C-alpha atoms as a PDB file:
ATOM      1  CA  UNK A   1      -1.695  12.511  24.932  1.00  0.00           C
ATOM      2  CA  UNK A   2       0.410  15.493  25.215  1.00  0.00           C
ATOM      3  CA  UNK A   3       0.888  19.241  24.084  1.00  0.00           C
ATOM      4  CA  UNK A   4       4.242  20.976  23.130  1.00  0.00           C
ATOM      5  CA  UNK A   5       5.733  24.281  23.517  1.00  0.00           C
ATOM      6  CA  UNK A   6       5.728  26.081  20.015  1.00  0.00           C
ATOM      7  CA  UNK A   7       7.459  23.774  17.806  1.00  0.00           C
ATOM      8  CA  UNK A   8       7.841  23.025  13.944  1.00  0.00           C
ATOM      9  CA  UNK A   9       7.987  19.137  13.663  1.00  0.00           C
ATOM     10  CA  UNK A  10       9.400  17.844  10.182  1.00  0.00           C
ATOM     11  CA  UNK A  11       9.455  14.445   8.741  1.00  0.00           C
ATOM     12  CA  UNK A  12      12.611  12.353   8.603  1.00  0.00           C
ATOM     13  CA  UNK A  13      13.114  12.892   4.987  1.00  0.00           C
ATOM     14  CA  UNK A  14      12.319  16.556   4.853  1.00  0.00           C
ATOM     15  CA  UNK A  15      14.772  19.275   3.824  1.00  0.00           C
ATOM     16  CA  UNK A  16      14.807  21.922   6.550  1.00  0.00           C
ATOM     17  CA  UNK A  17      15.660  24.599   4.272  1.00  0.00           C
ATOM     18  CA  UNK A  18      12.919  23.935   1.701  1.00  0.00           C
ATOM     19  CA  UNK A  19      10.139  23.382   4.516  1.00  0.00           C
ATOM     20  CA  UNK A  20      10.926  25.935   7.244  1.00  0.00           C
ATOM     21  CA  UNK A  21      11.504  29.679   7.549  1.00  0.00           C
ATOM     22  CA  UNK A  22      14.452  29.096   9.680  1.00  0.00           C
ATOM     23  CA  UNK A  23      15.025  32.888  10.441  1.00  0.00           C
ATOM     24  CA  UNK A  24      11.534  33.307  11.520  1.00  0.00           C
ATOM     25  CA  UNK A  25      11.492  30.410  14.038  1.00  0.00           C
ATOM     26  CA  UNK A  26      14.810  31.503  15.412  1.00  0.00           C
ATOM     27  CA  UNK A  27      13.387  35.038  16.024  1.00  0.00           C
ATOM     28  CA  UNK A  28      10.331  33.746  17.562  1.00  0.00           C
ATOM     29  CA  UNK A  29      11.847  31.072  19.727  1.00  0.00           C
ATOM     30  CA  UNK A  30      10.072  28.163  18.024  1.00  0.00           C
ATOM     31  CA  UNK A  31      11.739  24.878  18.484  1.00  0.00           C
ATOM     32  CA  UNK A  32      12.637  22.573  15.405  1.00  0.00           C
ATOM     33  CA  UNK A  33      12.186  18.956  15.867  1.00  0.00           C
ATOM     34  CA  UNK A  34      12.736  16.141  13.389  1.00  0.00           C
ATOM     35  CA  UNK A  35      10.522  13.200  14.042  1.00  0.00           C
ATOM     36  CA  UNK A  36      11.667   9.377  13.461  1.00  0.00           C
ATOM     37  CA  UNK A  37       8.741   8.931  11.088  1.00  0.00           C
ATOM     38  CA  UNK A  38       7.829  10.468   7.570  1.00  0.00           C
ATOM     39  CA  UNK A  39       5.005  13.044   6.800  1.00  0.00           C
ATOM     40  CA  UNK A  40       4.917  16.669   6.388  1.00  0.00           C
ATOM     41  CA  UNK A  41       5.785  19.756   8.532  1.00  0.00           C
ATOM     42  CA  UNK A  42       3.464  20.682  11.228  1.00  0.00           C
ATOM     43  CA  UNK A  43       3.336  23.367  13.865  1.00  0.00           C
ATOM     44  CA  UNK A  44       2.549  22.523  17.492  1.00  0.00           C
ATOM     45  CA  UNK A  45       1.852  24.708  20.415  1.00  0.00           C
ATOM     46  CA  UNK A  46      -0.116  24.819  23.612  1.00  0.00           C
ATOM     47  CA  UNK A  47      -3.445  24.745  21.470  1.00  0.00           C
ATOM     48  CA  UNK A  48      -2.800  21.313  20.036  1.00  0.00           C
ATOM     49  CA  UNK A  49      -3.388  17.939  21.404  1.00  0.00           C
ATOM     50  CA  UNK A  50      -1.087  15.260  20.084  1.00  0.00           C
ATOM     51  CA  UNK A  51      -2.367  11.666  20.528  1.00  0.00           C
ATOM     52  CA  UNK A  52       0.281   8.867  20.416  1.00  0.00           C
ATOM     53  CA  UNK A  53       0.053   5.128  20.372  1.00  0.00           C
ATOM     54  CA  UNK A  54       3.083   2.879  21.217  1.00  0.00           C
ATOM     55  CA  UNK A  55       2.745  -0.738  20.738  1.00  0.00           C
ATOM     56  CA  UNK A  56       5.131  -3.429  21.459  1.00  0.00           C
ATOM     57  CA  UNK A  57       5.150  -6.891  19.846  1.00  0.00           C
ATOM     58  CA  UNK A  58       1.924  -6.476  17.861  1.00  0.00           C
ATOM     59  CA  UNK A  59       2.266  -4.955  14.467  1.00  0.00           C
ATOM     60  CA  UNK A  60      -1.024  -6.483  12.847  1.00  0.00           C
ATOM     61  CA  UNK A  61      -2.462  -3.143  12.324  1.00  0.00           C
ATOM     62  CA  UNK A  62       0.678  -1.467  11.079  1.00  0.00           C
ATOM     63  CA  UNK A  63      -0.404   0.986   8.215  1.00  0.00           C
ATOM     64  CA  UNK A  64      -4.137   0.853   9.198  1.00  0.00           C
ATOM     65  CA  UNK A  65      -4.610   4.499  10.044  1.00  0.00           C
ATOM     66  CA  UNK A  66      -8.467   3.952  10.415  1.00  0.00           C
ATOM     67  CA  UNK A  67      -7.807   1.589  13.300  1.00  0.00           C
ATOM     68  CA  UNK A  68      -5.701   4.009  15.280  1.00  0.00           C
ATOM     69  CA  UNK A  69      -8.229   7.096  14.542  1.00  0.00           C
ATOM     70  CA  UNK A  70     -11.352   5.217  15.389  1.00  0.00           C
ATOM     71  CA  UNK A  71     -11.395   6.067  18.926  1.00  0.00           C
ATOM     72  CA  UNK A  72     -10.664   9.812  18.560  1.00  0.00           C
ATOM     73  CA  UNK A  73     -13.194   9.991  15.681  1.00  0.00           C
ATOM     74  CA  UNK A  74     -15.871   8.212  17.921  1.00  0.00           C
ATOM     75  CA  UNK A  75     -15.266  10.526  20.832  1.00  0.00           C
ATOM     76  CA  UNK A  76     -15.712  13.580  18.700  1.00  0.00           C
ATOM     77  CA  UNK A  77     -18.639  12.232  16.874  1.00  0.00           C
ATOM     78  CA  UNK A  78     -20.166  11.494  20.254  1.00  0.00           C
ATOM     79  CA  UNK A  79     -19.832  15.224  21.114  1.00  0.00           C
ATOM     80  CA  UNK A  80     -21.879  15.964  17.888  1.00  0.00           C
ATOM     81  CA  UNK A  81     -18.880  16.948  15.808  1.00  0.00           C
ATOM     82  CA  UNK A  82     -19.097  15.655  12.089  1.00  0.00           C
ATOM     83  CA  UNK A  83     -15.630  14.286  11.454  1.00  0.00           C
ATOM     84  CA  UNK A  84     -14.491  11.527   9.189  1.00  0.00           C
ATOM     85  CA  UNK A  85     -11.549  10.067   7.749  1.00  0.00           C
ATOM     86  CA  UNK A  86     -10.476  10.868   4.133  1.00  0.00           C
ATOM     87  CA  UNK A  87     -10.537   7.772   2.077  1.00  0.00           C
ATOM     88  CA  UNK A  88      -7.171   6.197   1.193  1.00  0.00           C
ATOM     89  CA  UNK A  89      -5.360   8.664   3.539  1.00  0.00           C
ATOM     90  CA  UNK A  90      -4.350   9.298   7.032  1.00  0.00           C
ATOM     91  CA  UNK A  91      -6.120  12.690   7.148  1.00  0.00           C
ATOM     92  CA  UNK A  92      -9.043  13.316   9.517  1.00  0.00           C
ATOM     93  CA  UNK A  93     -11.643  15.863   8.043  1.00  0.00           C
ATOM     94  CA  UNK A  94     -14.006  18.410   9.561  1.00  0.00           C
ATOM     95  CA  UNK A  95     -16.071  20.447   7.256  1.00  0.00           C
ATOM     96  CA  UNK A  96     -14.136  19.258   4.274  1.00  0.00           C
ATOM     97  CA  UNK A  97     -10.851  20.514   5.746  1.00  0.00           C
ATOM     98  CA  UNK A  98      -7.996  18.381   7.238  1.00  0.00           C
ATOM     99  CA  UNK A  99      -7.634  19.016  10.989  1.00  0.00           C
ATOM    100  CA  UNK A 100      -5.201  16.178  11.728  1.00  0.00           C
ATOM    101  CA  UNK A 101      -2.828  13.839   9.991  1.00  0.00           C
ATOM    102  CA  UNK A 102      -1.008  10.626  11.077  1.00  0.00           C
ATOM    103  CA  UNK A 103       2.156   8.934  10.614  1.00  0.00           C
ATOM    104  CA  UNK A 104       3.637   5.615  11.735  1.00  0.00           C
ATOM    105  CA  UNK A 105       7.000   3.911  12.036  1.00  0.00           C
ATOM    106  CA  UNK A 106       8.401   0.685  13.157  1.00  0.00           C
ATOM    107  CA  UNK A 107      11.563   0.197  15.342  1.00  0.00           C
ATOM    108  CA  UNK A 108      12.549  -3.315  16.021  1.00  0.00           C
ATOM    109  CA  UNK A 109       9.357  -4.733  17.784  1.00  0.00           C
ATOM    110  CA  UNK A 110       7.841  -1.169  18.505  1.00  0.00           C
ATOM    111  CA  UNK A 111       5.416   0.562  16.493  1.00  0.00           C
ATOM    112  CA  UNK A 112       4.132   4.129  17.012  1.00  0.00           C
ATOM    113  CA  UNK A 113       1.367   6.030  15.536  1.00  0.00           C
ATOM    114  CA  UNK A 114       0.973   9.735  16.238  1.00  0.00           C
ATOM    115  CA  UNK A 115      -1.819  12.170  15.424  1.00  0.00           C
ATOM    116  CA  UNK A 116      -1.669  15.952  15.606  1.00  0.00           C
ATOM    117  CA  UNK A 117      -5.066  17.548  16.501  1.00  0.00           C
ATOM    118  CA  UNK A 118      -5.615  21.242  16.302  1.00  0.00           C
END
């Protein structure tokens, strides 16, 4: 788990000029980062908590977003927060609104799954 300074993170296949107001992020000293996985553009700052799994030599759950989300969902539900996972998606939902998304990638024998929590 970690937090970032103000940053816009874009997926590996995204066009910076189509997704990001580059002048704005330059004016406000916001970092631009391209991640190694796909997915949409997200904004991180000190109010976000990023949860990441890095696995080596075990890709049996690759693509199974529910597997990686279950511990976070269970912890939030234990706190009385009614969260769930959107069907056929990597989106985590609170009050019918997405509060987190996930992406995965493989690199040799490593697997990473990352979640952005607001």
